[in-house]
């Protein structure tokens, strides 16, 4: 078996996987936006006196998942024989995305804690500090 042909096939496979993961991250963001818009419309039509925290928390969960998917795509892009330049770029991107995800997760937890302490409708909408689209229930 030809080593170069196998290496080329593996590189192509990883690039396709990276593209798939990046696309999945974009789809998660789009779903999060759709859920947020639906929540805003529902809020505007029926819950005028309450805050937007359930909508914000829902969108934040989707964004946190999308950040993790985008970081995975970045790791895949440097998985096969990376140069030092690629490694440096990945490190910078990883630090930025991880920091964003950390602070986003912290804000989600703080909002949920304050909503639970207030005992308002936000407390029922966000009972747990879990991340991702499945955290709503």
N, C-alpha and C. Protein backbone atom coordinates (compact mmCIF):
# COMPACT_ATOMS: atom_id res chain seq x y z
N UNK A 1 0.84 -1.18 0.00
CA UNK A 1 0.00 0.00 0.00
C UNK A 1 0.89 1.24 0.00
N UNK A 2 0.52 2.20 -0.79
CA UNK A 2 1.30 3.42 -0.95
C UNK A 2 1.07 4.36 0.24
N UNK A 3 2.15 4.69 0.95
CA UNK A 3 2.09 5.55 2.12
C UNK A 3 1.51 6.92 1.80
N UNK A 4 1.94 7.50 0.69
CA UNK A 4 1.46 8.84 0.32
C UNK A 4 -0.03 8.85 0.01
N UNK A 5 -0.52 7.78 -0.60
CA UNK A 5 -1.95 7.70 -0.91
C UNK A 5 -2.77 7.60 0.38
N UNK A 6 -2.27 6.80 1.33
CA UNK A 6 -2.97 6.67 2.62
C UNK A 6 -2.95 8.00 3.37
N UNK A 7 -1.78 8.65 3.39
CA UNK A 7 -1.67 9.94 4.07
C UNK A 7 -2.62 10.96 3.45
N UNK A 8 -2.70 10.98 2.14
CA UNK A 8 -3.60 11.90 1.45
C UNK A 8 -5.06 11.59 1.79
N UNK A 9 -5.41 10.32 1.84
CA UNK A 9 -6.79 9.94 2.17
C UNK A 9 -7.14 10.34 3.60
N UNK A 10 -6.19 10.15 4.52
CA UNK A 10 -6.43 10.54 5.92
C UNK A 10 -6.59 12.06 6.02
N UNK A 11 -5.72 12.80 5.35
CA UNK A 11 -5.83 14.27 5.36
C UNK A 11 -7.18 14.72 4.83
N UNK A 12 -7.60 14.13 3.71
CA UNK A 12 -8.90 14.49 3.14
C UNK A 12 -10.04 14.14 4.09
N UNK A 13 -9.96 12.99 4.73
CA UNK A 13 -10.99 12.58 5.68
C UNK A 13 -11.09 13.54 6.86
N UNK A 14 -9.93 13.95 7.37
CA UNK A 14 -9.92 14.88 8.51
C UNK A 14 -10.47 16.24 8.08
N UNK A 15 -10.13 16.68 6.88
CA UNK A 15 -10.65 17.97 6.39
C UNK A 15 -12.17 17.92 6.23
N UNK A 16 -12.70 16.81 5.73
CA UNK A 16 -14.15 16.67 5.61
C UNK A 16 -14.81 16.65 6.98
N UNK A 17 -14.18 15.95 7.93
CA UNK A 17 -14.71 15.91 9.29
C UNK A 17 -14.69 17.30 9.92
N UNK A 18 -13.61 18.06 9.69
CA UNK A 18 -13.51 19.42 10.20
C UNK A 18 -14.64 20.28 9.63
N UNK A 19 -14.87 20.16 8.33
CA UNK A 19 -15.95 20.91 7.69
C UNK A 19 -17.31 20.54 8.27
N UNK A 20 -17.51 19.25 8.51
CA UNK A 20 -18.77 18.79 9.11
C UNK A 20 -18.97 19.37 10.51
N UNK A 21 -17.92 19.36 11.32
CA UNK A 21 -18.02 19.88 12.69
C UNK A 21 -18.25 21.40 12.66
N UNK A 22 -17.56 22.12 11.78
CA UNK A 22 -17.78 23.57 11.65
C UNK A 22 -19.22 23.86 11.22
N UNK A 23 -19.72 23.07 10.29
CA UNK A 23 -21.10 23.25 9.82
C UNK A 23 -22.08 22.96 10.95
N UNK A 24 -21.82 21.92 11.71
CA UNK A 24 -22.67 21.59 12.85
C UNK A 24 -22.69 22.73 13.86
N UNK A 25 -21.53 23.34 14.10
CA UNK A 25 -21.46 24.50 14.99
C UNK A 25 -22.32 25.65 14.49
N UNK A 26 -22.28 25.90 13.19
CA UNK A 26 -23.10 26.96 12.60
C UNK A 26 -24.58 26.62 12.70
N UNK A 27 -24.93 25.35 12.52
CA UNK A 27 -26.33 24.93 12.63
C UNK A 27 -26.82 25.11 14.06
N UNK A 28 -25.98 24.79 15.03
CA UNK A 28 -26.36 24.97 16.44
C UNK A 28 -26.62 26.45 16.72
N UNK A 29 -25.77 27.33 16.20
CA UNK A 29 -25.99 28.78 16.38
C UNK A 29 -27.32 29.19 15.74
N UNK A 30 -27.58 28.71 14.54
CA UNK A 30 -28.83 29.05 13.86
C UNK A 30 -30.04 28.55 14.66
N UNK A 31 -29.96 27.34 15.19
CA UNK A 31 -31.05 26.82 16.02
C UNK A 31 -31.24 27.67 17.27
N UNK A 32 -30.12 28.06 17.88
CA UNK A 32 -30.19 28.91 19.07
C UNK A 32 -30.85 30.24 18.77
N UNK A 33 -30.53 30.82 17.63
CA UNK A 33 -31.15 32.09 17.24
C UNK A 33 -32.65 31.89 17.01
N UNK A 34 -33.02 30.80 16.35
CA UNK A 34 -34.44 30.53 16.10
C UNK A 34 -35.20 30.36 17.42
N UNK A 35 -34.61 29.62 18.35
CA UNK A 35 -35.25 29.42 19.65
C UNK A 35 -35.36 30.76 20.39
N UNK A 36 -34.32 31.58 20.31
CA UNK A 36 -34.35 32.88 20.98
C UNK A 36 -35.40 33.80 20.37
N UNK A 37 -35.50 33.81 19.06
CA UNK A 37 -36.51 34.65 18.40
C UNK A 37 -37.91 34.18 18.79
N UNK A 38 -38.12 32.87 18.80
CA UNK A 38 -39.42 32.33 19.22
C UNK A 38 -39.72 32.73 20.67
N UNK A 39 -38.71 32.65 21.52
CA UNK A 39 -38.90 33.05 22.92
C UNK A 39 -39.19 34.53 23.06
N UNK A 40 -38.50 35.35 22.27
CA UNK A 40 -38.77 36.79 22.31
C UNK A 40 -40.18 37.10 21.85
N UNK A 41 -40.61 36.46 20.78
CA UNK A 41 -41.98 36.68 20.29
C UNK A 41 -43.00 36.26 21.35
N UNK A 42 -42.78 35.12 21.93
CA UNK A 42 -43.68 34.64 22.99
C UNK A 42 -43.68 35.62 24.16
N UNK A 43 -42.52 36.11 24.51
CA UNK A 43 -42.39 37.08 25.61
C UNK A 43 -43.15 38.36 25.29
N UNK A 44 -42.99 38.85 24.08
CA UNK A 44 -43.63 40.09 23.69
C UNK A 44 -45.16 39.95 23.67
N UNK A 45 -45.65 38.77 23.33
CA UNK A 45 -47.09 38.58 23.21
C UNK A 45 -47.78 38.25 24.53
N UNK A 46 -47.05 37.65 25.47
CA UNK A 46 -47.76 37.17 26.65
C UNK A 46 -47.15 37.55 28.00
N UNK A 47 -45.88 37.74 28.09
CA UNK A 47 -45.23 37.92 29.39
C UNK A 47 -44.59 39.29 29.51
N UNK A 48 -45.33 40.32 29.31
CA UNK A 48 -44.77 41.66 29.24
C UNK A 48 -44.05 42.11 30.51
N UNK A 49 -44.47 41.67 31.66
CA UNK A 49 -43.88 42.16 32.90
C UNK A 49 -42.63 41.43 33.34
N UNK A 50 -42.28 40.34 32.71
CA UNK A 50 -41.14 39.54 33.15
C UNK A 50 -39.89 39.90 32.37
N UNK A 51 -38.77 39.41 32.85
CA UNK A 51 -37.49 39.69 32.20
C UNK A 51 -37.20 38.76 31.04
N UNK A 52 -36.10 39.03 30.39
CA UNK A 52 -35.68 38.24 29.23
C UNK A 52 -34.72 37.12 29.60
N UNK A 53 -34.50 36.89 30.88
CA UNK A 53 -33.49 35.91 31.28
C UNK A 53 -33.69 34.51 30.70
N UNK A 54 -34.91 33.98 30.65
CA UNK A 54 -35.04 32.63 30.04
C UNK A 54 -34.59 32.61 28.59
N UNK A 55 -34.87 33.66 27.85
CA UNK A 55 -34.46 33.74 26.44
C UNK A 55 -32.93 33.83 26.36
N UNK A 56 -32.35 34.68 27.18
CA UNK A 56 -30.89 34.83 27.19
C UNK A 56 -30.20 33.52 27.56
N UNK A 57 -30.72 32.83 28.58
CA UNK A 57 -30.11 31.58 29.01
C UNK A 57 -30.21 30.50 27.93
N UNK A 58 -31.33 30.47 27.26
CA UNK A 58 -31.50 29.50 26.18
C UNK A 58 -30.49 29.74 25.07
N UNK A 59 -30.37 30.99 24.63
CA UNK A 59 -29.39 31.32 23.59
C UNK A 59 -27.97 31.05 24.06
N UNK A 60 -27.68 31.36 25.30
CA UNK A 60 -26.33 31.13 25.84
C UNK A 60 -25.95 29.66 25.81
N UNK A 61 -26.90 28.78 26.06
CA UNK A 61 -26.62 27.34 26.01
C UNK A 61 -26.23 26.90 24.60
N UNK A 62 -26.96 27.40 23.63
CA UNK A 62 -26.63 27.06 22.24
C UNK A 62 -25.25 27.62 21.86
N UNK A 63 -24.97 28.84 22.28
CA UNK A 63 -23.68 29.44 21.95
C UNK A 63 -22.52 28.68 22.60
N UNK A 64 -22.73 28.22 23.83
CA UNK A 64 -21.68 27.46 24.51
C UNK A 64 -21.38 26.16 23.76
N UNK A 65 -22.42 25.48 23.32
CA UNK A 65 -22.22 24.25 22.55
C UNK A 65 -21.53 24.55 21.22
N UNK A 66 -21.95 25.61 20.56
CA UNK A 66 -21.33 25.97 19.27
C UNK A 66 -19.86 26.32 19.45
N UNK A 67 -19.51 27.01 20.53
CA UNK A 67 -18.09 27.32 20.78
C UNK A 67 -17.28 26.05 20.93
N UNK A 68 -17.82 25.06 21.62
CA UNK A 68 -17.10 23.79 21.79
C UNK A 68 -16.93 23.07 20.45
N UNK A 69 -17.96 23.12 19.62
CA UNK A 69 -17.85 22.49 18.30
C UNK A 69 -16.82 23.22 17.43
N UNK A 70 -16.80 24.53 17.48
CA UNK A 70 -15.83 25.28 16.69
C UNK A 70 -14.41 25.01 17.16
N UNK A 71 -14.23 24.87 18.46
CA UNK A 71 -12.91 24.52 18.99
C UNK A 71 -12.50 23.13 18.52
N UNK A 72 -13.44 22.20 18.49
CA UNK A 72 -13.14 20.85 17.99
C UNK A 72 -12.72 20.91 16.52
N UNK A 73 -13.38 21.73 15.74
CA UNK A 73 -13.01 21.89 14.33
C UNK A 73 -11.61 22.47 14.19
N UNK A 74 -11.27 23.42 15.05
CA UNK A 74 -9.93 23.99 15.01
C UNK A 74 -8.87 22.95 15.36
N UNK A 75 -9.18 22.11 16.32
CA UNK A 75 -8.24 21.04 16.69
C UNK A 75 -8.07 20.07 15.53
N UNK A 76 -9.16 19.73 14.86
CA UNK A 76 -9.07 18.83 13.70
C UNK A 76 -8.21 19.44 12.59
N UNK A 77 -8.29 20.75 12.42
CA UNK A 77 -7.54 21.38 11.33
C UNK A 77 -6.03 21.29 11.55
N UNK A 78 -5.62 21.09 12.78
CA UNK A 78 -4.18 20.96 13.05
C UNK A 78 -3.81 19.54 13.48
N UNK A 79 -4.69 18.58 13.28
CA UNK A 79 -4.45 17.22 13.76
C UNK A 79 -3.40 16.48 12.95
N UNK A 80 -3.25 16.79 11.69
CA UNK A 80 -2.33 16.06 10.83
C UNK A 80 -1.12 16.94 10.52
N UNK A 81 0.01 16.57 11.06
CA UNK A 81 1.31 17.22 10.78
C UNK A 81 1.22 18.75 10.78
N UNK A 82 0.87 19.33 11.92
CA UNK A 82 0.76 20.79 11.96
C UNK A 82 2.12 21.47 11.97
N UNK A 83 2.15 22.67 11.45
CA UNK A 83 3.37 23.48 11.55
C UNK A 83 3.31 24.24 12.89
N UNK A 84 4.43 24.82 13.28
CA UNK A 84 4.46 25.59 14.51
C UNK A 84 3.55 26.81 14.41
N UNK A 85 3.43 27.36 13.22
CA UNK A 85 2.53 28.49 13.02
C UNK A 85 1.09 28.07 13.27
N UNK A 86 0.69 26.90 12.75
CA UNK A 86 -0.67 26.39 12.98
C UNK A 86 -0.91 26.10 14.46
N UNK A 87 0.09 25.54 15.12
CA UNK A 87 -0.04 25.23 16.55
C UNK A 87 -0.22 26.52 17.35
N UNK A 88 0.54 27.54 17.01
CA UNK A 88 0.40 28.83 17.69
C UNK A 88 -0.97 29.44 17.49
N UNK A 89 -1.47 29.39 16.25
CA UNK A 89 -2.81 29.92 15.98
C UNK A 89 -3.87 29.12 16.73
N UNK A 90 -3.73 27.79 16.75
CA UNK A 90 -4.68 26.96 17.48
C UNK A 90 -4.66 27.29 18.96
N UNK A 91 -3.47 27.48 19.52
CA UNK A 91 -3.38 27.81 20.94
C UNK A 91 -4.09 29.12 21.24
N UNK A 92 -3.89 30.14 20.41
CA UNK A 92 -4.55 31.43 20.62
C UNK A 92 -6.07 31.28 20.50
N UNK A 93 -6.52 30.58 19.47
CA UNK A 93 -7.95 30.38 19.27
C UNK A 93 -8.54 29.58 20.43
N UNK A 94 -7.83 28.54 20.86
CA UNK A 94 -8.32 27.70 21.95
C UNK A 94 -8.46 28.51 23.23
N UNK A 95 -7.49 29.35 23.52
CA UNK A 95 -7.56 30.17 24.74
C UNK A 95 -8.75 31.13 24.66
N UNK A 96 -8.92 31.79 23.53
CA UNK A 96 -10.02 32.74 23.38
C UNK A 96 -11.37 32.04 23.49
N UNK A 97 -11.55 30.95 22.76
CA UNK A 97 -12.84 30.25 22.78
C UNK A 97 -13.13 29.61 24.12
N UNK A 98 -12.09 29.06 24.76
CA UNK A 98 -12.28 28.47 26.08
C UNK A 98 -12.66 29.54 27.09
N UNK A 99 -12.02 30.69 27.02
CA UNK A 99 -12.36 31.80 27.93
C UNK A 99 -13.79 32.27 27.69
N UNK A 100 -14.17 32.42 26.44
CA UNK A 100 -15.55 32.81 26.12
C UNK A 100 -16.54 31.80 26.68
N UNK A 101 -16.26 30.53 26.48
CA UNK A 101 -17.15 29.48 26.96
C UNK A 101 -17.21 29.48 28.49
N UNK A 102 -16.08 29.69 29.14
CA UNK A 102 -16.04 29.72 30.61
C UNK A 102 -16.91 30.85 31.14
N UNK A 103 -16.71 32.05 30.61
CA UNK A 103 -17.46 33.20 31.10
C UNK A 103 -18.94 33.10 30.74
N UNK A 104 -19.25 32.53 29.59
CA UNK A 104 -20.64 32.31 29.21
C UNK A 104 -21.30 31.32 30.17
N UNK A 105 -20.60 30.24 30.48
CA UNK A 105 -21.12 29.25 31.43
C UNK A 105 -21.30 29.85 32.82
N UNK A 106 -20.36 30.67 33.22
CA UNK A 106 -20.46 31.33 34.53
C UNK A 106 -21.67 32.27 34.58
N UNK A 107 -21.89 33.00 33.50
CA UNK A 107 -23.04 33.90 33.45
C UNK A 107 -24.34 33.11 33.50
N UNK A 108 -24.39 31.97 32.80
CA UNK A 108 -25.58 31.12 32.84
C UNK A 108 -25.87 30.70 34.27
N UNK A 109 -24.85 30.22 34.96
CA UNK A 109 -25.03 29.77 36.34
C UNK A 109 -25.45 30.90 37.26
N UNK A 110 -24.86 32.09 37.10
CA UNK A 110 -25.23 33.23 37.93
C UNK A 110 -26.66 33.66 37.68
N UNK A 111 -27.07 33.69 36.41
CA UNK A 111 -28.45 34.06 36.08
C UNK A 111 -29.42 33.05 36.66
N UNK A 112 -29.09 31.77 36.57
CA UNK A 112 -29.98 30.75 37.11
C UNK A 112 -30.07 30.86 38.63
N UNK A 113 -28.94 31.11 39.27
CA UNK A 113 -28.95 31.24 40.73
C UNK A 113 -29.76 32.44 41.17
N UNK A 114 -29.60 33.57 40.49
CA UNK A 114 -30.36 34.76 40.88
C UNK A 114 -31.84 34.58 40.58
N UNK A 115 -32.18 33.90 39.49
CA UNK A 115 -33.59 33.64 39.18
C UNK A 115 -34.20 32.69 40.21
N UNK A 116 -33.44 31.69 40.62
CA UNK A 116 -33.95 30.75 41.61
C UNK A 116 -34.13 31.45 42.96
N UNK A 117 -33.21 32.34 43.31
CA UNK A 117 -33.33 33.08 44.57
C UNK A 117 -34.52 34.02 44.55
N UNK A 118 -34.81 34.58 43.39
CA UNK A 118 -35.95 35.49 43.27
C UNK A 118 -37.26 34.72 43.21
N UNK A 119 -37.19 33.46 42.80
CA UNK A 119 -38.38 32.64 42.73
C UNK A 119 -39.33 33.02 41.62
N UNK A 120 -38.81 33.74 40.63
CA UNK A 120 -39.65 34.20 39.53
C UNK A 120 -39.82 33.15 38.47
N UNK A 121 -40.44 33.52 37.35
CA UNK A 121 -40.65 32.56 36.26
C UNK A 121 -39.36 32.06 35.65
N UNK A 122 -38.29 32.83 35.78
CA UNK A 122 -37.00 32.39 35.25
C UNK A 122 -36.50 31.16 35.99
N UNK A 123 -36.86 31.04 37.28
CA UNK A 123 -36.40 29.89 38.07
C UNK A 123 -36.99 28.60 37.53
N UNK A 124 -38.24 28.64 37.12
CA UNK A 124 -38.85 27.44 36.57
C UNK A 124 -38.32 27.12 35.18
N UNK A 125 -37.95 28.16 34.43
CA UNK A 125 -37.48 27.96 33.06
C UNK A 125 -36.05 27.43 33.02
N UNK A 126 -35.26 27.66 34.04
CA UNK A 126 -33.86 27.26 34.03
C UNK A 126 -33.47 26.65 35.37
N UNK A 127 -33.96 25.44 35.69
CA UNK A 127 -33.73 24.88 37.01
C UNK A 127 -32.33 24.36 37.25
N UNK A 128 -31.58 24.02 36.19
CA UNK A 128 -30.26 23.43 36.37
C UNK A 128 -29.23 24.23 35.61
N UNK A 129 -27.98 24.16 36.08
CA UNK A 129 -26.87 24.85 35.43
C UNK A 129 -26.17 23.91 34.46
N UNK A 130 -26.92 23.40 33.49
CA UNK A 130 -26.33 22.54 32.47
C UNK A 130 -26.18 23.35 31.19
N UNK A 131 -25.26 22.93 30.36
CA UNK A 131 -25.01 23.64 29.11
C UNK A 131 -25.50 22.79 27.95
N UNK A 132 -25.85 23.46 26.86
CA UNK A 132 -26.26 22.78 25.64
C UNK A 132 -27.75 22.87 25.44
N UNK A 133 -28.19 22.59 24.23
CA UNK A 133 -29.60 22.73 23.90
C UNK A 133 -30.51 21.80 24.68
N UNK A 134 -29.98 20.65 25.17
CA UNK A 134 -30.81 19.72 25.90
C UNK A 134 -31.04 20.13 27.33
N UNK A 135 -30.44 21.24 27.77
CA UNK A 135 -30.52 21.66 29.16
C UNK A 135 -31.86 22.31 29.51
N UNK A 136 -32.72 22.52 28.56
CA UNK A 136 -33.98 23.21 28.82
C UNK A 136 -34.95 22.36 29.64
N UNK A 137 -34.78 21.07 29.69
CA UNK A 137 -35.77 20.25 30.38
C UNK A 137 -35.24 19.28 31.31
